[in-house]
PDB file of all heavy atoms in Angstrom:
ATOM      1  N   TYR A   1       3.175 -13.419 -11.449  1.00  0.00           N
ATOM      2  CA  TYR A   1       1.814 -13.680 -10.980  1.00  0.00           C
ATOM      3  C   TYR A   1       0.992 -12.395 -10.835  1.00  0.00           C
ATOM      4  O   TYR A   1       0.155 -12.276  -9.932  1.00  0.00           O
ATOM      5  CB  TYR A   1       1.813 -14.473  -9.668  1.00  0.00           C
ATOM      6  CG  TYR A   1       2.615 -15.741  -9.742  1.00  0.00           C
ATOM      7  CD1 TYR A   1       3.827 -15.855  -9.079  1.00  0.00           C
ATOM      8  CD2 TYR A   1       2.170 -16.810 -10.521  1.00  0.00           C
ATOM      9  CE1 TYR A   1       4.566 -17.022  -9.170  1.00  0.00           C
ATOM     10  CE2 TYR A   1       2.909 -17.980 -10.605  1.00  0.00           C
ATOM     11  CZ  TYR A   1       4.113 -18.076  -9.936  1.00  0.00           C
ATOM     12  OH  TYR A   1       4.846 -19.229 -10.022  1.00  0.00           O
ATOM     13  N   GLY A   2       1.244 -11.429 -11.704  1.00  0.00           N
ATOM     14  CA  GLY A   2       0.485 -10.191 -11.697  1.00  0.00           C
ATOM     15  C   GLY A   2       0.968  -9.147 -10.705  1.00  0.00           C
ATOM     16  O   GLY A   2       0.353  -8.101 -10.562  1.00  0.00           O
ATOM     17  N   PHE A   3       2.057  -9.411 -10.015  1.00  0.00           N
ATOM     18  CA  PHE A   3       2.613  -8.457  -9.059  1.00  0.00           C
ATOM     19  C   PHE A   3       3.704  -7.621  -9.716  1.00  0.00           C
ATOM     20  O   PHE A   3       4.436  -8.114 -10.572  1.00  0.00           O
ATOM     21  CB  PHE A   3       3.221  -9.183  -7.850  1.00  0.00           C
ATOM     22  CG  PHE A   3       2.191  -9.700  -6.891  1.00  0.00           C
ATOM     23  CD1 PHE A   3       1.662 -10.975  -7.047  1.00  0.00           C
ATOM     24  CD2 PHE A   3       1.762  -8.922  -5.831  1.00  0.00           C
ATOM     25  CE1 PHE A   3       0.707 -11.457  -6.173  1.00  0.00           C
ATOM     26  CE2 PHE A   3       0.806  -9.402  -4.943  1.00  0.00           C
ATOM     27  CZ  PHE A   3       0.281 -10.674  -5.117  1.00  0.00           C
ATOM     28  N   ILE A   4       3.791  -6.352  -9.292  1.00  0.00           N
ATOM     29  CA  ILE A   4       4.909  -5.507  -9.690  1.00  0.00           C
ATOM     30  C   ILE A   4       5.685  -5.134  -8.429  1.00  0.00           C
ATOM     31  O   ILE A   4       5.109  -4.998  -7.348  1.00  0.00           O
ATOM     32  CB  ILE A   4       4.454  -4.219 -10.425  1.00  0.00           C
ATOM     33  CG1 ILE A   4       3.551  -3.359  -9.543  1.00  0.00           C
ATOM     34  CG2 ILE A   4       3.773  -4.560 -11.738  1.00  0.00           C
ATOM     35  CD1 ILE A   4       3.324  -1.954 -10.076  1.00  0.00           C
ATOM     36  N   THR A   5       6.982  -5.002  -8.564  1.00  0.00           N
ATOM     37  CA  THR A   5       7.820  -4.660  -7.422  1.00  0.00           C
ATOM     38  C   THR A   5       7.755  -3.166  -7.157  1.00  0.00           C
ATOM     39  O   THR A   5       7.946  -2.358  -8.058  1.00  0.00           O
ATOM     40  CB  THR A   5       9.281  -5.096  -7.675  1.00  0.00           C
ATOM     41  OG1 THR A   5       9.296  -6.517  -7.849  1.00  0.00           O
ATOM     42  CG2 THR A   5      10.185  -4.717  -6.512  1.00  0.00           C
ATOM     43  N   ILE A   6       7.487  -2.821  -5.915  1.00  0.00           N
ATOM     44  CA  ILE A   6       7.434  -1.429  -5.478  1.00  0.00           C
ATOM     45  C   ILE A   6       8.735  -1.046  -4.782  1.00  0.00           C
ATOM     46  O   ILE A   6       9.301  -0.001  -5.031  1.00  0.00           O
ATOM     47  CB  ILE A   6       6.248  -1.191  -4.506  1.00  0.00           C
ATOM     48  CG1 ILE A   6       4.929  -1.670  -5.111  1.00  0.00           C
ATOM     49  CG2 ILE A   6       6.167   0.272  -4.090  1.00  0.00           C
ATOM     50  CD1 ILE A   6       4.566  -1.036  -6.422  1.00  0.00           C
ATOM     51  N   MET A   7       9.207  -1.914  -3.872  1.00  0.00           N
ATOM     52  CA  MET A   7      10.439  -1.653  -3.122  1.00  0.00           C
ATOM     53  C   MET A   7      11.204  -2.945  -2.921  1.00  0.00           C
ATOM     54  O   MET A   7      10.604  -3.991  -2.704  1.00  0.00           O
ATOM     55  CB  MET A   7      10.135  -1.094  -1.728  1.00  0.00           C
ATOM     56  CG  MET A   7       9.714   0.337  -1.675  1.00  0.00           C
ATOM     57  SD  MET A   7       9.655   0.918   0.045  1.00  0.00           S
ATOM     58  CE  MET A   7       7.895   1.026   0.275  1.00  0.00           C
ATOM     59  N   GLU A   8      12.511  -2.836  -2.967  1.00  0.00           N
ATOM     60  CA  GLU A   8      13.405  -3.936  -2.595  1.00  0.00           C
ATOM     61  C   GLU A   8      13.956  -3.641  -1.205  1.00  0.00           C
ATOM     62  O   GLU A   8      14.072  -2.485  -0.811  1.00  0.00           O
ATOM     63  CB  GLU A   8      14.572  -4.045  -3.585  1.00  0.00           C
ATOM     64  CG  GLU A   8      14.193  -4.531  -4.953  1.00  0.00           C
ATOM     65  CD  GLU A   8      13.924  -6.036  -5.041  1.00  0.00           C
ATOM     66  OE1 GLU A   8      14.186  -6.761  -4.053  1.00  0.00           O
ATOM     67  OE2 GLU A   8      13.465  -6.471  -6.097  1.00  0.00           O
ATOM     68  N   LYS A   9      14.277  -4.700  -0.485  1.00  0.00           N
ATOM     69  CA  LYS A   9      14.879  -4.578   0.849  1.00  0.00           C
ATOM     70  C   LYS A   9      14.057  -3.639   1.733  1.00  0.00           C
ATOM     71  O   LYS A   9      14.520  -2.631   2.222  1.00  0.00           O
ATOM     72  CB  LYS A   9      16.336  -4.118   0.752  1.00  0.00           C
ATOM     73  CG  LYS A   9      17.150  -4.494   1.958  1.00  0.00           C
ATOM     74  CD  LYS A   9      18.605  -4.198   1.760  1.00  0.00           C
ATOM     75  CE  LYS A   9      19.340  -4.581   3.045  1.00  0.00           C
ATOM     76  NZ  LYS A   9      20.721  -4.160   3.028  1.00  0.00           N
ATOM     77  N   CYS A  10      12.812  -4.007   1.906  1.00  0.00           N
ATOM     78  CA  CYS A  10      11.817  -3.217   2.623  1.00  0.00           C
ATOM     79  C   CYS A  10      11.545  -3.881   3.972  1.00  0.00           C
ATOM     80  O   CYS A  10      11.407  -5.090   4.052  1.00  0.00           O
ATOM     81  CB  CYS A  10      10.556  -3.186   1.758  1.00  0.00           C
ATOM     82  SG  CYS A  10       9.125  -2.455   2.501  1.00  0.00           S
ATOM     83  N   THR A  11      11.442  -3.087   5.031  1.00  0.00           N
ATOM     84  CA  THR A  11      11.061  -3.636   6.335  1.00  0.00           C
ATOM     85  C   THR A  11       9.540  -3.631   6.454  1.00  0.00           C
ATOM     86  O   THR A  11       8.854  -2.954   5.674  1.00  0.00           O
ATOM     87  CB  THR A  11      11.648  -2.802   7.490  1.00  0.00           C
ATOM     88  OG1 THR A  11      11.064  -1.498   7.458  1.00  0.00           O
ATOM     89  CG2 THR A  11      13.165  -2.716   7.386  1.00  0.00           C
ATOM     90  N   ASP A  12       9.020  -4.342   7.431  1.00  0.00           N
ATOM     91  CA  ASP A  12       7.569  -4.335   7.617  1.00  0.00           C
ATOM     92  C   ASP A  12       7.072  -2.933   7.982  1.00  0.00           C
ATOM     93  O   ASP A  12       6.010  -2.511   7.563  1.00  0.00           O
ATOM     94  CB  ASP A  12       7.119  -5.380   8.644  1.00  0.00           C
ATOM     95  CG  ASP A  12       7.671  -5.153  10.037  1.00  0.00           C
ATOM     96  OD1 ASP A  12       8.717  -4.479  10.181  1.00  0.00           O
ATOM     97  OD2 ASP A  12       7.071  -5.668  10.990  1.00  0.00           O
ATOM     98  N   MET A  13       7.868  -2.167   8.716  1.00  0.00           N
ATOM     99  CA  MET A  13       7.489  -0.802   9.055  1.00  0.00           C
ATOM    100  C   MET A  13       7.402   0.061   7.793  1.00  0.00           C
ATOM    101  O   MET A  13       6.452   0.837   7.626  1.00  0.00           O
ATOM    102  CB  MET A  13       8.483  -0.179  10.034  1.00  0.00           C
ATOM    103  CG  MET A  13       8.059   1.201  10.499  1.00  0.00           C
ATOM    104  SD  MET A  13       9.125   1.840  11.800  1.00  0.00           S
ATOM    105  CE  MET A  13       9.984   3.114  10.901  1.00  0.00           C
ATOM    106  N   GLU A  14       8.351  -0.078   6.896  1.00  0.00           N
ATOM    107  CA  GLU A  14       8.318   0.683   5.646  1.00  0.00           C
ATOM    108  C   GLU A  14       7.090   0.320   4.822  1.00  0.00           C
ATOM    109  O   GLU A  14       6.493   1.174   4.173  1.00  0.00           O
ATOM    110  CB  GLU A  14       9.602   0.463   4.849  1.00  0.00           C
ATOM    111  CG  GLU A  14      10.812   1.100   5.492  1.00  0.00           C
ATOM    112  CD  GLU A  14      12.123   0.652   4.887  1.00  0.00           C
ATOM    113  OE1 GLU A  14      12.233  -0.525   4.460  1.00  0.00           O
ATOM    114  OE2 GLU A  14      13.046   1.478   4.831  1.00  0.00           O
ATOM    115  N   CYS A  15       6.691  -0.933   4.862  1.00  0.00           N
ATOM    116  CA  CYS A  15       5.483  -1.365   4.163  1.00  0.00           C
ATOM    117  C   CYS A  15       4.259  -0.667   4.741  1.00  0.00           C
ATOM    118  O   CYS A  15       3.408  -0.173   3.997  1.00  0.00           O
ATOM    119  CB  CYS A  15       5.319  -2.875   4.255  1.00  0.00           C
ATOM    120  SG  CYS A  15       3.763  -3.464   3.536  1.00  0.00           S
ATOM    121  N   HIS A  16       4.169  -0.611   6.063  1.00  0.00           N
ATOM    122  CA  HIS A  16       3.024   0.049   6.701  1.00  0.00           C
ATOM    123  C   HIS A  16       3.004   1.548   6.394  1.00  0.00           C
ATOM    124  O   HIS A  16       1.935   2.122   6.159  1.00  0.00           O
ATOM    125  CB  HIS A  16       3.033  -0.187   8.207  1.00  0.00           C
ATOM    126  CG  HIS A  16       2.844  -1.619   8.591  1.00  0.00           C
ATOM    127  ND1 HIS A  16       1.786  -2.392   8.145  1.00  0.00           N
ATOM    128  CD2 HIS A  16       3.581  -2.441   9.363  1.00  0.00           C
ATOM    129  CE1 HIS A  16       1.880  -3.606   8.633  1.00  0.00           C
ATOM    130  NE2 HIS A  16       2.968  -3.668   9.367  1.00  0.00           N
ATOM    131  N   ILE A  17       4.176   2.158   6.380  1.00  0.00           N
ATOM    132  CA  ILE A  17       4.259   3.578   6.029  1.00  0.00           C
ATOM    133  C   ILE A  17       3.796   3.773   4.595  1.00  0.00           C
ATOM    134  O   ILE A  17       3.022   4.690   4.297  1.00  0.00           O
ATOM    135  CB  ILE A  17       5.697   4.116   6.224  1.00  0.00           C
ATOM    136  CG1 ILE A  17       6.036   4.159   7.711  1.00  0.00           C
ATOM    137  CG2 ILE A  17       5.855   5.491   5.579  1.00  0.00           C
ATOM    138  CD1 ILE A  17       7.499   4.418   7.997  1.00  0.00           C
ATOM    139  N   PHE A  18       4.244   2.893   3.695  1.00  0.00           N
ATOM    140  CA  PHE A  18       3.835   3.020   2.299  1.00  0.00           C
ATOM    141  C   PHE A  18       2.324   2.844   2.151  1.00  0.00           C
ATOM    142  O   PHE A  18       1.670   3.616   1.458  1.00  0.00           O
ATOM    143  CB  PHE A  18       4.564   2.010   1.403  1.00  0.00           C
ATOM    144  CG  PHE A  18       4.108   2.098  -0.020  1.00  0.00           C
ATOM    145  CD1 PHE A  18       4.524   3.132  -0.834  1.00  0.00           C
ATOM    146  CD2 PHE A  18       3.216   1.168  -0.535  1.00  0.00           C
ATOM    147  CE1 PHE A  18       4.070   3.246  -2.144  1.00  0.00           C
ATOM    148  CE2 PHE A  18       2.760   1.271  -1.834  1.00  0.00           C
ATOM    149  CZ  PHE A  18       3.186   2.309  -2.635  1.00  0.00           C
ATOM    150  N   GLU A  19       1.753   1.853   2.805  1.00  0.00           N
ATOM    151  CA  GLU A  19       0.312   1.633   2.694  1.00  0.00           C
ATOM    152  C   GLU A  19      -0.466   2.832   3.244  1.00  0.00           C
ATOM    153  O   GLU A  19      -1.446   3.268   2.646  1.00  0.00           O
ATOM    154  CB  GLU A  19      -0.118   0.358   3.418  1.00  0.00           C
ATOM    155  CG  GLU A  19      -1.596   0.082   3.234  1.00  0.00           C
ATOM    156  CD  GLU A  19      -2.057  -1.241   3.817  1.00  0.00           C
ATOM    157  OE1 GLU A  19      -1.258  -1.953   4.443  1.00  0.00           O
ATOM    158  OE2 GLU A  19      -3.246  -1.559   3.624  1.00  0.00           O
ATOM    159  N   ALA A  20      -0.008   3.392   4.355  1.00  0.00           N
ATOM    160  CA  ALA A  20      -0.673   4.577   4.916  1.00  0.00           C
ATOM    161  C   ALA A  20      -0.568   5.752   3.948  1.00  0.00           C
ATOM    162  O   ALA A  20      -1.527   6.505   3.763  1.00  0.00           O
ATOM    163  CB  ALA A  20      -0.053   4.943   6.262  1.00  0.00           C
ATOM    164  N   PHE A  21       0.582   5.888   3.317  1.00  0.00           N
ATOM    165  CA  PHE A  21       0.771   6.978   2.356  1.00  0.00           C
ATOM    166  C   PHE A  21      -0.102   6.762   1.121  1.00  0.00           C
ATOM    167  O   PHE A  21      -0.741   7.691   0.635  1.00  0.00           O
ATOM    168  CB  PHE A  21       2.249   7.064   1.962  1.00  0.00           C
ATOM    169  CG  PHE A  21       2.638   8.376   1.374  1.00  0.00           C
ATOM    170  CD1 PHE A  21       2.931   9.454   2.188  1.00  0.00           C
ATOM    171  CD2 PHE A  21       2.696   8.540   0.012  1.00  0.00           C
ATOM    172  CE1 PHE A  21       3.285  10.675   1.645  1.00  0.00           C
ATOM    173  CE2 PHE A  21       3.040   9.759  -0.542  1.00  0.00           C
ATOM    174  CZ  PHE A  21       3.341  10.832   0.274  1.00  0.00           C
ATOM    175  N   LEU A  22      -0.158   5.535   0.631  1.00  0.00           N
ATOM    176  CA  LEU A  22      -0.959   5.207  -0.545  1.00  0.00           C
ATOM    177  C   LEU A  22      -2.437   5.479  -0.295  1.00  0.00           C
ATOM    178  O   LEU A  22      -3.132   6.029  -1.146  1.00  0.00           O
ATOM    179  CB  LEU A  22      -0.765   3.738  -0.937  1.00  0.00           C
ATOM    180  CG  LEU A  22      -1.645   3.195  -2.057  1.00  0.00           C
ATOM    181  CD1 LEU A  22      -1.321   3.888  -3.385  1.00  0.00           C
ATOM    182  CD2 LEU A  22      -1.465   1.682  -2.183  1.00  0.00           C
ATOM    183  N   THR A  23      -2.924   5.120   0.866  1.00  0.00           N
ATOM    184  CA  THR A  23      -4.360   5.198   1.156  1.00  0.00           C
ATOM    185  C   THR A  23      -4.742   6.470   1.912  1.00  0.00           C
ATOM    186  O   THR A  23      -5.814   6.539   2.507  1.00  0.00           O
ATOM    187  CB  THR A  23      -4.807   3.963   1.959  1.00  0.00           C
ATOM    188  OG1 THR A  23      -4.066   3.896   3.176  1.00  0.00           O
ATOM    189  CG2 THR A  23      -4.596   2.687   1.167  1.00  0.00           C
ATOM    190  N   LYS A  24      -3.887   7.484   1.850  1.00  0.00           N
ATOM    191  CA  LYS A  24      -4.136   8.725   2.588  1.00  0.00           C
ATOM    192  C   LYS A  24      -5.422   9.426   2.166  1.00  0.00           C
ATOM    193  O   LYS A  24      -6.007  10.170   2.934  1.00  0.00           O
ATOM    194  CB  LYS A  24      -2.948   9.672   2.472  1.00  0.00           C
ATOM    195  CG  LYS A  24      -2.698  10.222   1.081  1.00  0.00           C
ATOM    196  CD  LYS A  24      -1.400  11.014   1.029  1.00  0.00           C
ATOM    197  CE  LYS A  24      -1.103  11.586  -0.323  1.00  0.00           C
ATOM    198  NZ  LYS A  24      -0.892  10.625  -1.385  1.00  0.00           N
ATOM    199  N   THR A  25      -5.898   9.182   0.949  1.00  0.00           N
ATOM    200  CA  THR A  25      -7.105   9.843   0.455  1.00  0.00           C
ATOM    201  C   THR A  25      -8.331   9.487   1.284  1.00  0.00           C
ATOM    202  O   THR A  25      -9.128  10.345   1.634  1.00  0.00           O
ATOM    203  CB  THR A  25      -7.363   9.463  -1.019  1.00  0.00           C
ATOM    204  OG1 THR A  25      -6.225   9.831  -1.772  1.00  0.00           O
ATOM    205  CG2 THR A  25      -8.576  10.161  -1.567  1.00  0.00           C
ATOM    206  N   ASN A  26      -8.464   8.191   1.608  1.00  0.00           N
ATOM    207  CA  ASN A  26      -9.654   7.799   2.380  1.00  0.00           C
ATOM    208  C   ASN A  26      -9.318   7.254   3.771  1.00  0.00           C
ATOM    209  O   ASN A  26     -10.217   6.943   4.535  1.00  0.00           O
ATOM    210  CB  ASN A  26     -10.507   6.795   1.602  1.00  0.00           C
ATOM    211  CG  ASN A  26      -9.808   5.488   1.346  1.00  0.00           C
ATOM    212  OD1 ASN A  26      -8.686   5.266   1.772  1.00  0.00           O
ATOM    213  ND2 ASN A  26     -10.469   4.604   0.628  1.00  0.00           N
ATOM    214  N   GLY A  27      -8.056   7.126   4.092  1.00  0.00           N
ATOM    215  CA  GLY A  27      -7.651   6.730   5.430  1.00  0.00           C
ATOM    216  C   GLY A  27      -7.957   5.293   5.802  1.00  0.00           C
ATOM    217  O   GLY A  27      -7.864   4.921   6.962  1.00  0.00           O
ATOM    218  N   GLU A  28      -8.325   4.477   4.837  1.00  0.00           N
ATOM    219  CA  GLU A  28      -8.612   3.066   5.108  1.00  0.00           C
ATOM    220  C   GLU A  28      -7.436   2.207   4.673  1.00  0.00           C
ATOM    221  O   GLU A  28      -6.682   2.586   3.788  1.00  0.00           O
ATOM    222  CB  GLU A  28      -9.861   2.634   4.343  1.00  0.00           C
ATOM    223  CG  GLU A  28     -11.116   3.373   4.755  1.00  0.00           C
ATOM    224  CD  GLU A  28     -12.329   2.979   3.928  1.00  0.00           C
ATOM    225  OE1 GLU A  28     -12.164   2.284   2.916  1.00  0.00           O
ATOM    226  OE2 GLU A  28     -13.437   3.382   4.299  1.00  0.00           O
ATOM    227  N   THR A  29      -7.320   1.050   5.280  1.00  0.00           N
ATOM    228  CA  THR A  29      -6.296   0.126   4.819  1.00  0.00           C
ATOM    229  C   THR A  29      -6.636  -0.323   3.406  1.00  0.00           C
ATOM    230  O   THR A  29      -7.795  -0.236   2.979  1.00  0.00           O
ATOM    231  CB  THR A  29      -6.198  -1.116   5.733  1.00  0.00           C
ATOM    232  OG1 THR A  29      -7.450  -1.809   5.693  1.00  0.00           O
ATOM    233  CG2 THR A  29      -5.846  -0.733   7.155  1.00  0.00           C
ATOM    234  N   LEU A  30      -5.656  -0.790   2.691  1.00  0.00           N
ATOM    235  CA  LEU A  30      -5.877  -1.241   1.320  1.00  0.00           C
ATOM    236  C   LEU A  30      -6.957  -2.312   1.267  1.00  0.00           C
ATOM    237  O   LEU A  30      -7.821  -2.307   0.395  1.00  0.00           O
ATOM    238  CB  LEU A  30      -4.569  -1.759   0.721  1.00  0.00           C
ATOM    239  CG  LEU A  30      -4.543  -2.039  -0.757  1.00  0.00           C
ATOM    240  CD1 LEU A  30      -4.831  -0.778  -1.560  1.00  0.00           C
ATOM    241  CD2 LEU A  30      -3.198  -2.610  -1.162  1.00  0.00           C
ATOM    242  N   GLU A  31      -6.939  -3.184   2.249  1.00  0.00           N
ATOM    243  CA  GLU A  31      -7.909  -4.274   2.313  1.00  0.00           C
ATOM    244  C   GLU A  31      -9.356  -3.761   2.405  1.00  0.00           C
ATOM    245  O   GLU A  31     -10.269  -4.356   1.842  1.00  0.00           O
ATOM    246  CB  GLU A  31      -7.586  -5.147   3.528  1.00  0.00           C
ATOM    247  CG  GLU A  31      -8.499  -6.303   3.743  1.00  0.00           C
ATOM    248  CD  GLU A  31      -8.103  -7.120   4.951  1.00  0.00           C
ATOM    249  OE1 GLU A  31      -7.784  -6.534   6.008  1.00  0.00           O
ATOM    250  OE2 GLU A  31      -8.113  -8.353   4.825  1.00  0.00           O
ATOM    251  N   ASN A  32      -9.558  -2.657   3.102  1.00  0.00           N
ATOM    252  CA  ASN A  32     -10.902  -2.116   3.323  1.00  0.00           C
ATOM    253  C   ASN A  32     -11.248  -0.947   2.413  1.00  0.00           C
ATOM    254  O   ASN A  32     -12.344  -0.397   2.513  1.00  0.00           O
ATOM    255  CB  ASN A  32     -11.060  -1.681   4.778  1.00  0.00           C
ATOM    256  CG  ASN A  32     -10.928  -2.841   5.729  1.00  0.00           C
ATOM    257  OD1 ASN A  32     -11.428  -3.925   5.467  1.00  0.00           O
ATOM    258  ND2 ASN A  32     -10.224  -2.634   6.813  1.00  0.00           N
ATOM    259  N   SER A  33     -10.343  -0.560   1.555  1.00  0.00           N
ATOM    260  CA  SER A  33     -10.540   0.629   0.729  1.00  0.00           C
ATOM    261  C   SER A  33     -11.554   0.383  -0.383  1.00  0.00           C
ATOM    262  O   SER A  33     -11.586  -0.678  -1.002  1.00  0.00           O
ATOM    263  CB  SER A  33      -9.207   1.060   0.109  1.00  0.00           C
ATOM    264  OG  SER A  33      -9.392   2.193  -0.694  1.00  0.00           O
ATOM    265  N   SER A  34     -12.376   1.396  -0.625  1.00  0.00           N
ATOM    266  CA  SER A  34     -13.318   1.328  -1.740  1.00  0.00           C
ATOM    267  C   SER A  34     -12.669   1.804  -3.037  1.00  0.00           C
ATOM    268  O   SER A  34     -13.215   1.621  -4.114  1.00  0.00           O
ATOM    269  CB  SER A  34     -14.552   2.189  -1.434  1.00  0.00           C
ATOM    270  OG  SER A  34     -14.155   3.528  -1.215  1.00  0.00           O
ATOM    271  N   ILE A  35     -11.492   2.411  -2.920  1.00  0.00           N
ATOM    272  CA  ILE A  35     -10.757   2.879  -4.098  1.00  0.00           C
ATOM    273  C   ILE A  35     -10.026   1.704  -4.725  1.00  0.00           C
ATOM    274  O   ILE A  35      -9.397   0.906  -4.030  1.00  0.00           O
ATOM    275  CB  ILE A  35      -9.755   3.977  -3.702  1.00  0.00           C
ATOM    276  CG1 ILE A  35     -10.493   5.197  -3.155  1.00  0.00           C
ATOM    277  CG2 ILE A  35      -8.885   4.370  -4.896  1.00  0.00           C
ATOM    278  CD1 ILE A  35      -9.589   6.260  -2.574  1.00  0.00           C
ATOM    279  N   LYS A  36     -10.108   1.594  -6.046  1.00  0.00           N
ATOM    280  CA  LYS A  36      -9.367   0.560  -6.773  1.00  0.00           C
ATOM    281  C   LYS A  36      -8.112   1.202  -7.347  1.00  0.00           C
ATOM    282  O   LYS A  36      -8.172   2.035  -8.248  1.00  0.00           O
ATOM    283  CB  LYS A  36     -10.224  -0.037  -7.901  1.00  0.00           C
ATOM    284  CG  LYS A  36     -11.470  -0.735  -7.401  1.00  0.00           C
ATOM    285  CD  LYS A  36     -11.120  -1.866  -6.460  1.00  0.00           C
ATOM    286  CE  LYS A  36     -12.367  -2.561  -5.944  1.00  0.00           C
ATOM    287  NZ  LYS A  36     -12.159  -3.226  -4.693  1.00  0.00           N
ATOM    288  N   TYR A  37      -6.979   0.848  -6.791  1.00  0.00           N
ATOM    289  CA  TYR A  37      -5.707   1.437  -7.197  1.00  0.00           C
ATOM    290  C   TYR A  37      -5.160   0.746  -8.445  1.00  0.00           C
ATOM    291  O   TYR A  37      -5.264  -0.464  -8.590  1.00  0.00           O
ATOM    292  CB  TYR A  37      -4.698   1.340  -6.054  1.00  0.00           C
ATOM    293  CG  TYR A  37      -5.111   2.154  -4.857  1.00  0.00           C
ATOM    294  CD1 TYR A  37      -5.803   1.577  -3.807  1.00  0.00           C
ATOM    295  CD2 TYR A  37      -4.839   3.510  -4.807  1.00  0.00           C
ATOM    296  CE1 TYR A  37      -6.209   2.332  -2.717  1.00  0.00           C
ATOM    297  CE2 TYR A  37      -5.235   4.273  -3.719  1.00  0.00           C
ATOM    298  CZ  TYR A  37      -5.917   3.683  -2.683  1.00  0.00           C
ATOM    299  OH  TYR A  37      -6.325   4.422  -1.600  1.00  0.00           O
ATOM    300  N   ARG A  38      -4.588   1.558  -9.316  1.00  0.00           N
ATOM    301  CA  ARG A  38      -3.912   1.033 -10.506  1.00  0.00           C
ATOM    302  C   ARG A  38      -2.423   0.956 -10.211  1.00  0.00           C
ATOM    303  O   ARG A  38      -1.929   1.605  -9.279  1.00  0.00           O
ATOM    304  CB  ARG A  38      -4.145   1.963 -11.703  1.00  0.00           C
ATOM    305  CG  ARG A  38      -5.614   2.164 -12.069  1.00  0.00           C
ATOM    306  CD  ARG A  38      -5.784   3.285 -13.071  1.00  0.00           C
ATOM    307  NE  ARG A  38      -5.228   4.511 -12.489  1.00  0.00           N
ATOM    308  CZ  ARG A  38      -4.629   5.479 -13.184  1.00  0.00           C
ATOM    309  NH1 ARG A  38      -4.517   5.400 -14.488  1.00  0.00           N
ATOM    310  NH2 ARG A  38      -4.158   6.556 -12.584  1.00  0.00           N
TER     311      ARG A  38
END
């Protein structure tokens, strides 16, 4: 359904850490980010 796997056996905390790391450029959550990630 258009999704790619990033991590297997991931906790919710690891997900939040990953999202914070991914969006470190603008400091916004993915939902609120103006950056379109590939």
